[in-house]
mmCIF file of all heavy atoms, coordinates in Angstrom:
data_MODEL
# 
_entry.id   MODEL 
# 
loop_
_atom_site.group_PDB 
_atom_site.id 
_atom_site.type_symbol 
_atom_site.label_atom_id 
_atom_site.label_alt_id 
_atom_site.label_comp_id 
_atom_site.label_asym_id 
_atom_site.label_entity_id 
_atom_site.label_seq_id 
_atom_site.pdbx_PDB_ins_code 
_atom_site.Cartn_x 
_atom_site.Cartn_y 
_atom_site.Cartn_z 
_atom_site.occupancy 
_atom_site.B_iso_or_equiv 
_atom_site.pdbx_formal_charge 
_atom_site.auth_seq_id 
_atom_site.auth_comp_id 
_atom_site.auth_asym_id 
_atom_site.auth_atom_id 
_atom_site.pdbx_PDB_model_num 
ATOM 1   N N   . HIS A 1 1  ? -35.245 -188.299 -199.747 1.00 0.00 ? 1  HIS A N   1 
ATOM 2   C CA  . HIS A 1 1  ? -35.172 -189.610 -199.112 1.00 0.00 ? 1  HIS A CA  1 
ATOM 3   C C   . HIS A 1 1  ? -34.363 -190.529 -200.008 1.00 0.00 ? 1  HIS A C   1 
ATOM 4   O O   . HIS A 1 1  ? -34.464 -190.442 -201.237 1.00 0.00 ? 1  HIS A O   1 
ATOM 5   C CB  . HIS A 1 1  ? -36.580 -190.168 -198.889 1.00 0.00 ? 1  HIS A CB  1 
ATOM 6   C CG  . HIS A 1 1  ? -36.621 -191.256 -197.884 1.00 0.00 ? 1  HIS A CG  1 
ATOM 7   N ND1 . HIS A 1 1  ? -36.430 -192.576 -198.205 1.00 0.00 ? 1  HIS A ND1 1 
ATOM 8   C CD2 . HIS A 1 1  ? -36.810 -191.222 -196.546 1.00 0.00 ? 1  HIS A CD2 1 
ATOM 9   C CE1 . HIS A 1 1  ? -36.511 -193.317 -197.119 1.00 0.00 ? 1  HIS A CE1 1 
ATOM 10  N NE2 . HIS A 1 1  ? -36.741 -192.513 -196.089 1.00 0.00 ? 1  HIS A NE2 1 
ATOM 11  N N   . PRO A 1 2  ? -33.555 -191.441 -199.427 1.00 0.00 ? 2  PRO A N   1 
ATOM 12  C CA  . PRO A 1 2  ? -32.670 -192.276 -200.230 1.00 0.00 ? 2  PRO A CA  1 
ATOM 13  C C   . PRO A 1 2  ? -33.382 -193.143 -201.283 1.00 0.00 ? 2  PRO A C   1 
ATOM 14  O O   . PRO A 1 2  ? -32.803 -193.435 -202.323 1.00 0.00 ? 2  PRO A O   1 
ATOM 15  C CB  . PRO A 1 2  ? -31.962 -193.165 -199.195 1.00 0.00 ? 2  PRO A CB  1 
ATOM 16  C CG  . PRO A 1 2  ? -32.082 -192.440 -197.913 1.00 0.00 ? 2  PRO A CG  1 
ATOM 17  C CD  . PRO A 1 2  ? -33.348 -191.649 -197.985 1.00 0.00 ? 2  PRO A CD  1 
ATOM 18  N N   . ASP A 1 3  ? -34.612 -193.571 -201.016 1.00 0.00 ? 3  ASP A N   1 
ATOM 19  C CA  . ASP A 1 3  ? -35.269 -194.453 -201.989 1.00 0.00 ? 3  ASP A CA  1 
ATOM 20  C C   . ASP A 1 3  ? -36.351 -193.758 -202.812 1.00 0.00 ? 3  ASP A C   1 
ATOM 21  O O   . ASP A 1 3  ? -37.022 -194.399 -203.606 1.00 0.00 ? 3  ASP A O   1 
ATOM 22  C CB  . ASP A 1 3  ? -35.860 -195.686 -201.290 1.00 0.00 ? 3  ASP A CB  1 
ATOM 23  C CG  . ASP A 1 3  ? -37.058 -195.357 -200.426 1.00 0.00 ? 3  ASP A CG  1 
ATOM 24  O OD1 . ASP A 1 3  ? -37.198 -194.198 -200.003 1.00 0.00 ? 3  ASP A OD1 1 
ATOM 25  O OD2 . ASP A 1 3  ? -37.860 -196.273 -200.168 1.00 0.00 ? 3  ASP A OD2 1 
ATOM 26  N N   . LYS A 1 4  ? -36.516 -192.458 -202.624 1.00 0.00 ? 4  LYS A N   1 
ATOM 27  C CA  . LYS A 1 4  ? -37.569 -191.754 -203.351 1.00 0.00 ? 4  LYS A CA  1 
ATOM 28  C C   . LYS A 1 4  ? -37.054 -190.588 -204.176 1.00 0.00 ? 4  LYS A C   1 
ATOM 29  O O   . LYS A 1 4  ? -37.706 -190.144 -205.092 1.00 0.00 ? 4  LYS A O   1 
ATOM 30  C CB  . LYS A 1 4  ? -38.634 -191.237 -202.362 1.00 0.00 ? 4  LYS A CB  1 
ATOM 31  C CG  . LYS A 1 4  ? -39.405 -192.350 -201.687 1.00 0.00 ? 4  LYS A CG  1 
ATOM 32  C CD  . LYS A 1 4  ? -40.334 -191.772 -200.625 1.00 0.00 ? 4  LYS A CD  1 
ATOM 33  C CE  . LYS A 1 4  ? -41.001 -192.869 -199.847 1.00 0.00 ? 4  LYS A CE  1 
ATOM 34  N NZ  . LYS A 1 4  ? -40.112 -193.689 -199.042 1.00 0.00 ? 4  LYS A NZ  1 
ATOM 35  N N   . GLY A 1 5  ? -35.939 -190.009 -203.801 1.00 0.00 ? 5  GLY A N   1 
ATOM 36  C CA  . GLY A 1 5  ? -35.471 -188.792 -204.436 1.00 0.00 ? 5  GLY A CA  1 
ATOM 37  C C   . GLY A 1 5  ? -35.964 -187.592 -203.657 1.00 0.00 ? 5  GLY A C   1 
ATOM 38  O O   . GLY A 1 5  ? -36.201 -187.669 -202.451 1.00 0.00 ? 5  GLY A O   1 
ATOM 39  N N   . THR A 1 6  ? -36.184 -186.491 -204.352 1.00 0.00 ? 6  THR A N   1 
ATOM 40  C CA  . THR A 1 6  ? -36.558 -185.241 -203.688 1.00 0.00 ? 6  THR A CA  1 
ATOM 41  C C   . THR A 1 6  ? -37.912 -184.769 -204.190 1.00 0.00 ? 6  THR A C   1 
ATOM 42  O O   . THR A 1 6  ? -38.178 -184.771 -205.385 1.00 0.00 ? 6  THR A O   1 
ATOM 43  C CB  . THR A 1 6  ? -35.489 -184.160 -203.953 1.00 0.00 ? 6  THR A CB  1 
ATOM 44  O OG1 . THR A 1 6  ? -34.228 -184.648 -203.503 1.00 0.00 ? 6  THR A OG1 1 
ATOM 45  C CG2 . THR A 1 6  ? -35.816 -182.871 -203.225 1.00 0.00 ? 6  THR A CG2 1 
ATOM 46  N N   . GLU A 1 7  ? -38.755 -184.375 -203.244 1.00 0.00 ? 7  GLU A N   1 
ATOM 47  C CA  . GLU A 1 7  ? -40.046 -183.792 -203.578 1.00 0.00 ? 7  GLU A CA  1 
ATOM 48  C C   . GLU A 1 7  ? -40.156 -182.448 -202.877 1.00 0.00 ? 7  GLU A C   1 
ATOM 49  O O   . GLU A 1 7  ? -39.434 -182.161 -201.934 1.00 0.00 ? 7  GLU A O   1 
ATOM 50  C CB  . GLU A 1 7  ? -41.196 -184.711 -203.166 1.00 0.00 ? 7  GLU A CB  1 
ATOM 51  C CG  . GLU A 1 7  ? -41.291 -184.965 -201.684 1.00 0.00 ? 7  GLU A CG  1 
ATOM 52  C CD  . GLU A 1 7  ? -42.373 -185.963 -201.309 1.00 0.00 ? 7  GLU A CD  1 
ATOM 53  O OE1 . GLU A 1 7  ? -43.340 -186.118 -202.059 1.00 0.00 ? 7  GLU A OE1 1 
ATOM 54  O OE2 . GLU A 1 7  ? -42.235 -186.583 -200.246 1.00 0.00 ? 7  GLU A OE2 1 
ATOM 55  N N   . MET A 1 8  ? -41.079 -181.631 -203.357 1.00 0.00 ? 8  MET A N   1 
ATOM 56  C CA  . MET A 1 8  ? -41.299 -180.317 -202.756 1.00 0.00 ? 8  MET A CA  1 
ATOM 57  C C   . MET A 1 8  ? -42.564 -180.369 -201.920 1.00 0.00 ? 8  MET A C   1 
ATOM 58  O O   . MET A 1 8  ? -43.611 -180.834 -202.387 1.00 0.00 ? 8  MET A O   1 
ATOM 59  C CB  . MET A 1 8  ? -41.459 -179.259 -203.854 1.00 0.00 ? 8  MET A CB  1 
ATOM 60  C CG  . MET A 1 8  ? -41.680 -177.843 -203.344 1.00 0.00 ? 8  MET A CG  1 
ATOM 61  S SD  . MET A 1 8  ? -40.282 -177.132 -202.449 1.00 0.00 ? 8  MET A SD  1 
ATOM 62  C CE  . MET A 1 8  ? -39.100 -176.893 -203.777 1.00 0.00 ? 8  MET A CE  1 
ATOM 63  N N   . CYS A 1 9  ? -42.464 -179.889 -200.702 1.00 0.00 ? 9  CYS A N   1 
ATOM 64  C CA  . CYS A 1 9  ? -43.629 -179.712 -199.843 1.00 0.00 ? 9  CYS A CA  1 
ATOM 65  C C   . CYS A 1 9  ? -44.026 -178.245 -199.904 1.00 0.00 ? 9  CYS A C   1 
ATOM 66  O O   . CYS A 1 9  ? -43.207 -177.372 -199.599 1.00 0.00 ? 9  CYS A O   1 
ATOM 67  C CB  . CYS A 1 9  ? -43.297 -180.105 -198.406 1.00 0.00 ? 9  CYS A CB  1 
ATOM 68  S SG  . CYS A 1 9  ? -44.558 -179.595 -197.203 1.00 0.00 ? 9  CYS A SG  1 
ATOM 69  N N   . LEU A 1 10 ? -45.250 -177.982 -200.344 1.00 0.00 ? 10 LEU A N   1 
ATOM 70  C CA  . LEU A 1 10 ? -45.782 -176.623 -200.278 1.00 0.00 ? 10 LEU A CA  1 
ATOM 71  C C   . LEU A 1 10 ? -46.142 -176.423 -198.810 1.00 0.00 ? 10 LEU A C   1 
ATOM 72  O O   . LEU A 1 10 ? -47.121 -176.964 -198.329 1.00 0.00 ? 10 LEU A O   1 
ATOM 73  C CB  . LEU A 1 10 ? -46.999 -176.457 -201.183 1.00 0.00 ? 10 LEU A CB  1 
ATOM 74  C CG  . LEU A 1 10 ? -47.541 -175.037 -201.349 1.00 0.00 ? 10 LEU A CG  1 
ATOM 75  C CD1 . LEU A 1 10 ? -48.391 -174.954 -202.604 1.00 0.00 ? 10 LEU A CD1 1 
ATOM 76  C CD2 . LEU A 1 10 ? -48.300 -174.536 -200.155 1.00 0.00 ? 10 LEU A CD2 1 
ATOM 77  N N   . TYR A 1 11 ? -45.311 -175.683 -198.110 1.00 0.00 ? 11 TYR A N   1 
ATOM 78  C CA  . TYR A 1 11 ? -45.456 -175.566 -196.668 1.00 0.00 ? 11 TYR A CA  1 
ATOM 79  C C   . TYR A 1 11 ? -46.565 -174.602 -196.279 1.00 0.00 ? 11 TYR A C   1 
ATOM 80  O O   . TYR A 1 11 ? -47.357 -174.878 -195.391 1.00 0.00 ? 11 TYR A O   1 
ATOM 81  C CB  . TYR A 1 11 ? -44.118 -175.135 -196.036 1.00 0.00 ? 11 TYR A CB  1 
ATOM 82  C CG  . TYR A 1 11 ? -44.156 -175.094 -194.544 1.00 0.00 ? 11 TYR A CG  1 
ATOM 83  C CD1 . TYR A 1 11 ? -44.105 -176.263 -193.811 1.00 0.00 ? 11 TYR A CD1 1 
ATOM 84  C CD2 . TYR A 1 11 ? -44.275 -173.892 -193.865 1.00 0.00 ? 11 TYR A CD2 1 
ATOM 85  C CE1 . TYR A 1 11 ? -44.160 -176.234 -192.425 1.00 0.00 ? 11 TYR A CE1 1 
ATOM 86  C CE2 . TYR A 1 11 ? -44.330 -173.853 -192.489 1.00 0.00 ? 11 TYR A CE2 1 
ATOM 87  C CZ  . TYR A 1 11 ? -44.274 -175.026 -191.773 1.00 0.00 ? 11 TYR A CZ  1 
ATOM 88  O OH  . TYR A 1 11 ? -44.335 -174.990 -190.417 1.00 0.00 ? 11 TYR A OH  1 
ATOM 89  N N   . GLU A 1 12 ? -46.607 -173.438 -196.950 1.00 0.00 ? 12 GLU A N   1 
ATOM 90  C CA  . GLU A 1 12 ? -47.625 -172.455 -196.591 1.00 0.00 ? 12 GLU A CA  1 
ATOM 91  C C   . GLU A 1 12 ? -47.900 -171.539 -197.772 1.00 0.00 ? 12 GLU A C   1 
ATOM 92  O O   . GLU A 1 12 ? -46.989 -171.157 -198.503 1.00 0.00 ? 12 GLU A O   1 
ATOM 93  C CB  . GLU A 1 12 ? -47.153 -171.629 -195.388 1.00 0.00 ? 12 GLU A CB  1 
ATOM 94  C CG  . GLU A 1 12 ? -48.218 -170.744 -194.801 1.00 0.00 ? 12 GLU A CG  1 
ATOM 95  C CD  . GLU A 1 12 ? -47.826 -170.172 -193.441 1.00 0.00 ? 12 GLU A CD  1 
ATOM 96  O OE1 . GLU A 1 12 ? -46.658 -170.290 -193.034 1.00 0.00 ? 12 GLU A OE1 1 
ATOM 97  O OE2 . GLU A 1 12 ? -48.709 -169.606 -192.793 1.00 0.00 ? 12 GLU A OE2 1 
ATOM 98  N N   . LEU A 1 13 ? -49.161 -171.207 -197.934 1.00 0.00 ? 13 LEU A N   1 
ATOM 99  C CA  . LEU A 1 13 ? -49.609 -170.266 -198.963 1.00 0.00 ? 13 LEU A CA  1 
ATOM 100 C C   . LEU A 1 13 ? -50.481 -169.225 -198.282 1.00 0.00 ? 13 LEU A C   1 
ATOM 101 O O   . LEU A 1 13 ? -51.347 -169.568 -197.475 1.00 0.00 ? 13 LEU A O   1 
ATOM 102 C CB  . LEU A 1 13 ? -50.418 -170.997 -200.038 1.00 0.00 ? 13 LEU A CB  1 
ATOM 103 C CG  . LEU A 1 13 ? -51.081 -170.136 -201.111 1.00 0.00 ? 13 LEU A CG  1 
ATOM 104 C CD1 . LEU A 1 13 ? -50.032 -169.510 -202.028 1.00 0.00 ? 13 LEU A CD1 1 
ATOM 105 C CD2 . LEU A 1 13 ? -52.050 -170.981 -201.925 1.00 0.00 ? 13 LEU A CD2 1 
ATOM 106 N N   . SER A 1 14 ? -50.245 -167.968 -198.608 1.00 0.00 ? 14 SER A N   1 
ATOM 107 C CA  . SER A 1 14 ? -51.040 -166.892 -198.012 1.00 0.00 ? 14 SER A CA  1 
ATOM 108 C C   . SER A 1 14 ? -51.209 -165.771 -199.030 1.00 0.00 ? 14 SER A C   1 
ATOM 109 O O   . SER A 1 14 ? -50.248 -165.389 -199.702 1.00 0.00 ? 14 SER A O   1 
ATOM 110 C CB  . SER A 1 14 ? -50.341 -166.346 -196.761 1.00 0.00 ? 14 SER A CB  1 
ATOM 111 O OG  . SER A 1 14 ? -51.019 -165.219 -196.246 1.00 0.00 ? 14 SER A OG  1 
ATOM 112 N N   . VAL A 1 15 ? -52.429 -165.268 -199.124 1.00 0.00 ? 15 VAL A N   1 
ATOM 113 C CA  . VAL A 1 15 ? -52.705 -164.096 -199.952 1.00 0.00 ? 15 VAL A CA  1 
ATOM 114 C C   . VAL A 1 15 ? -53.429 -163.088 -199.067 1.00 0.00 ? 15 VAL A C   1 
ATOM 115 O O   . VAL A 1 15 ? -54.393 -163.439 -198.379 1.00 0.00 ? 15 VAL A O   1 
ATOM 116 C CB  . VAL A 1 15 ? -53.558 -164.460 -201.189 1.00 0.00 ? 15 VAL A CB  1 
ATOM 117 C CG1 . VAL A 1 15 ? -53.907 -163.207 -201.992 1.00 0.00 ? 15 VAL A CG1 1 
ATOM 118 C CG2 . VAL A 1 15 ? -52.823 -165.474 -202.075 1.00 0.00 ? 15 VAL A CG2 1 
ATOM 119 N N   . ASP A 1 16 ? -52.943 -161.856 -199.076 1.00 0.00 ? 16 ASP A N   1 
ATOM 120 C CA  . ASP A 1 16 ? -53.571 -160.799 -198.296 1.00 0.00 ? 16 ASP A CA  1 
ATOM 121 C C   . ASP A 1 16 ? -55.041 -160.686 -198.699 1.00 0.00 ? 16 ASP A C   1 
ATOM 122 O O   . ASP A 1 16 ? -55.386 -160.776 -199.875 1.00 0.00 ? 16 ASP A O   1 
ATOM 123 C CB  . ASP A 1 16 ? -52.845 -159.479 -198.557 1.00 0.00 ? 16 ASP A CB  1 
ATOM 124 C CG  . ASP A 1 16 ? -53.419 -158.348 -197.747 1.00 0.00 ? 16 ASP A CG  1 
ATOM 125 O OD1 . ASP A 1 16 ? -52.973 -158.136 -196.603 1.00 0.00 ? 16 ASP A OD1 1 
ATOM 126 O OD2 . ASP A 1 16 ? -54.327 -157.662 -198.276 1.00 0.00 ? 16 ASP A OD2 1 
ATOM 127 N N   . GLU A 1 17 ? -55.881 -160.491 -197.698 1.00 0.00 ? 17 GLU A N   1 
ATOM 128 C CA  . GLU A 1 17 ? -57.326 -160.471 -197.931 1.00 0.00 ? 17 GLU A CA  1 
ATOM 129 C C   . GLU A 1 17 ? -57.743 -159.498 -199.040 1.00 0.00 ? 17 GLU A C   1 
ATOM 130 O O   . GLU A 1 17 ? -58.621 -159.789 -199.842 1.00 0.00 ? 17 GLU A O   1 
ATOM 131 C CB  . GLU A 1 17 ? -58.061 -160.131 -196.629 1.00 0.00 ? 17 GLU A CB  1 
ATOM 132 C CG  . GLU A 1 17 ? -59.546 -160.386 -196.716 1.00 0.00 ? 17 GLU A CG  1 
ATOM 133 C CD  . GLU A 1 17 ? -60.237 -160.281 -195.368 1.00 0.00 ? 17 GLU A CD  1 
ATOM 134 O OE1 . GLU A 1 17 ? -59.606 -160.572 -194.335 1.00 0.00 ? 17 GLU A OE1 1 
ATOM 135 O OE2 . GLU A 1 17 ? -61.422 -159.905 -195.378 1.00 0.00 ? 17 GLU A OE2 1 
ATOM 136 N N   . GLY A 1 18 ? -57.091 -158.365 -199.120 1.00 0.00 ? 18 GLY A N   1 
ATOM 137 C CA  . GLY A 1 18 ? -57.437 -157.369 -200.126 1.00 0.00 ? 18 GLY A CA  1 
ATOM 138 C C   . GLY A 1 18 ? -57.064 -157.758 -201.546 1.00 0.00 ? 18 GLY A C   1 
ATOM 139 O O   . GLY A 1 18 ? -57.482 -157.101 -202.505 1.00 0.00 ? 18 GLY A O   1 
ATOM 140 N N   . TYR A 1 19 ? -56.275 -158.832 -201.703 1.00 0.00 ? 19 TYR A N   1 
ATOM 141 C CA  . TYR A 1 19 ? -55.824 -159.264 -203.025 1.00 0.00 ? 19 TYR A CA  1 
ATOM 142 C C   . TYR A 1 19 ? -56.367 -160.635 -203.426 1.00 0.00 ? 19 TYR A C   1 
ATOM 143 O O   . TYR A 1 19 ? -55.974 -161.183 -204.448 1.00 0.00 ? 19 TYR A O   1 
ATOM 144 C CB  . TYR A 1 19 ? -54.294 -159.306 -203.060 1.00 0.00 ? 19 TYR A CB  1 
ATOM 145 C CG  . TYR A 1 19 ? -53.667 -157.941 -202.935 1.00 0.00 ? 19 TYR A CG  1 
ATOM 146 C CD1 . TYR A 1 19 ? -53.241 -157.472 -201.693 1.00 0.00 ? 19 TYR A CD1 1 
ATOM 147 C CD2 . TYR A 1 19 ? -53.523 -157.115 -204.038 1.00 0.00 ? 19 TYR A CD2 1 
ATOM 148 C CE1 . TYR A 1 19 ? -52.666 -156.208 -201.570 1.00 0.00 ? 19 TYR A CE1 1 
ATOM 149 C CE2 . TYR A 1 19 ? -52.953 -155.862 -203.929 1.00 0.00 ? 19 TYR A CE2 1 
ATOM 150 C CZ  . TYR A 1 19 ? -52.528 -155.417 -202.692 1.00 0.00 ? 19 TYR A CZ  1 
ATOM 151 O OH  . TYR A 1 19 ? -51.965 -154.174 -202.573 1.00 0.00 ? 19 TYR A OH  1 
ATOM 152 N N   . ARG A 1 20 ? -57.266 -161.176 -202.641 1.00 0.00 ? 20 ARG A N   1 
ATOM 153 C CA  . ARG A 1 20 ? -57.794 -162.511 -202.928 1.00 0.00 ? 20 ARG A CA  1 
ATOM 154 C C   . ARG A 1 20 ? -58.733 -162.499 -204.132 1.00 0.00 ? 20 ARG A C   1 
ATOM 155 O O   . ARG A 1 20 ? -59.258 -161.466 -204.517 1.00 0.00 ? 20 ARG A O   1 
ATOM 156 C CB  . ARG A 1 20 ? -58.507 -163.060 -201.690 1.00 0.00 ? 20 ARG A CB  1 
ATOM 157 C CG  . ARG A 1 20 ? -57.509 -163.367 -200.587 1.00 0.00 ? 20 ARG A CG  1 
ATOM 158 C CD  . ARG A 1 20 ? -58.150 -163.952 -199.362 1.00 0.00 ? 20 ARG A CD  1 
ATOM 159 N NE  . ARG A 1 20 ? -57.121 -164.096 -198.327 1.00 0.00 ? 20 ARG A NE  1 
ATOM 160 C CZ  . ARG A 1 20 ? -57.379 -164.287 -197.058 1.00 0.00 ? 20 ARG A CZ  1 
ATOM 161 N NH1 . ARG A 1 20 ? -58.623 -164.382 -196.640 1.00 0.00 ? 20 ARG A NH1 1 
ATOM 162 N NH2 . ARG A 1 20 ? -56.388 -164.403 -196.203 1.00 0.00 ? 20 ARG A NH2 1 
ATOM 163 N N   . ARG A 1 21 ? -58.904 -163.691 -204.710 1.00 0.00 ? 21 ARG A N   1 
ATOM 164 C CA  . ARG A 1 21 ? -59.797 -163.921 -205.853 1.00 0.00 ? 21 ARG A CA  1 
ATOM 165 C C   . ARG A 1 21 ? -59.299 -163.226 -207.120 1.00 0.00 ? 21 ARG A C   1 
ATOM 166 O O   . ARG A 1 21 ? -60.071 -162.848 -207.983 1.00 0.00 ? 21 ARG A O   1 
ATOM 167 C CB  . ARG A 1 21 ? -61.230 -163.529 -205.535 1.00 0.00 ? 21 ARG A CB  1 
ATOM 168 C CG  . ARG A 1 21 ? -61.708 -164.127 -204.237 1.00 0.00 ? 21 ARG A CG  1 
ATOM 169 C CD  . ARG A 1 21 ? -62.989 -164.881 -204.149 1.00 0.00 ? 21 ARG A CD  1 
ATOM 170 N NE  . ARG A 1 21 ? -63.702 -165.227 -205.323 1.00 0.00 ? 21 ARG A NE  1 
ATOM 171 C CZ  . ARG A 1 21 ? -63.865 -166.480 -205.779 1.00 0.00 ? 21 ARG A CZ  1 
ATOM 172 N NH1 . ARG A 1 21 ? -63.293 -167.475 -205.158 1.00 0.00 ? 21 ARG A NH1 1 
ATOM 173 N NH2 . ARG A 1 21 ? -64.592 -166.717 -206.824 1.00 0.00 ? 21 ARG A NH2 1 
ATOM 174 N N   . ARG A 1 22 ? -57.969 -163.090 -207.217 1.00 0.00 ? 22 ARG A N   1 
ATOM 175 C CA  . ARG A 1 22 ? -57.349 -162.500 -208.408 1.00 0.00 ? 22 ARG A CA  1 
ATOM 176 C C   . ARG A 1 22 ? -56.382 -163.467 -209.082 1.00 0.00 ? 22 ARG A C   1 
ATOM 177 O O   . ARG A 1 22 ? -55.653 -163.078 -209.994 1.00 0.00 ? 22 ARG A O   1 
ATOM 178 C CB  . ARG A 1 22 ? -56.574 -161.234 -208.037 1.00 0.00 ? 22 ARG A CB  1 
ATOM 179 C CG  . ARG A 1 22 ? -57.421 -160.123 -207.458 1.00 0.00 ? 22 ARG A CG  1 
ATOM 180 C CD  . ARG A 1 22 ? -56.573 -158.896 -207.252 1.00 0.00 ? 22 ARG A CD  1 
ATOM 181 N NE  . ARG A 1 22 ? -57.242 -157.892 -206.449 1.00 0.00 ? 22 ARG A NE  1 
ATOM 182 C CZ  . ARG A 1 22 ? -56.743 -156.701 -206.215 1.00 0.00 ? 22 ARG A CZ  1 
ATOM 183 N NH1 . ARG A 1 22 ? -55.583 -156.344 -206.721 1.00 0.00 ? 22 ARG A NH1 1 
ATOM 184 N NH2 . ARG A 1 22 ? -57.415 -155.841 -205.471 1.00 0.00 ? 22 ARG A NH2 1 
ATOM 185 N N   . GLY A 1 23 ? -56.323 -164.710 -208.578 1.00 0.00 ? 23 GLY A N   1 
ATOM 186 C CA  . GLY A 1 23 ? -55.415 -165.702 -209.162 1.00 0.00 ? 23 GLY A CA  1 
ATOM 187 C C   . GLY A 1 23 ? -54.011 -165.679 -208.592 1.00 0.00 ? 23 GLY A C   1 
ATOM 188 O O   . GLY A 1 23 ? -53.130 -166.383 -209.094 1.00 0.00 ? 23 GLY A O   1 
ATOM 189 N N   . ILE A 1 24 ? -53.790 -164.912 -207.549 1.00 0.00 ? 24 ILE A N   1 
ATOM 190 C CA  . ILE A 1 24 ? -52.442 -164.812 -206.973 1.00 0.00 ? 24 ILE A CA  1 
ATOM 191 C C   . ILE A 1 24 ? -52.026 -166.125 -206.321 1.00 0.00 ? 24 ILE A C   1 
ATOM 192 O O   . ILE A 1 24 ? -50.892 -166.587 -206.501 1.00 0.00 ? 24 ILE A O   1 
ATOM 193 C CB  . ILE A 1 24 ? -52.364 -163.631 -205.978 1.00 0.00 ? 24 ILE A CB  1 
ATOM 194 C CG1 . ILE A 1 24 ? -52.536 -162.317 -206.745 1.00 0.00 ? 24 ILE A CG1 1 
ATOM 195 C CG2 . ILE A 1 24 ? -51.059 -163.652 -205.191 1.00 0.00 ? 24 ILE A CG2 1 
ATOM 196 C CD1 . ILE A 1 24 ? -52.673 -161.093 -205.869 1.00 0.00 ? 24 ILE A CD1 1 
# 
């Protein structure tokens, strides 16, 4: 944006169910 600069939007995060709770 002209008066703010550039920011990053984390649009989507997904971890396969079999790999969850491992810090991925």
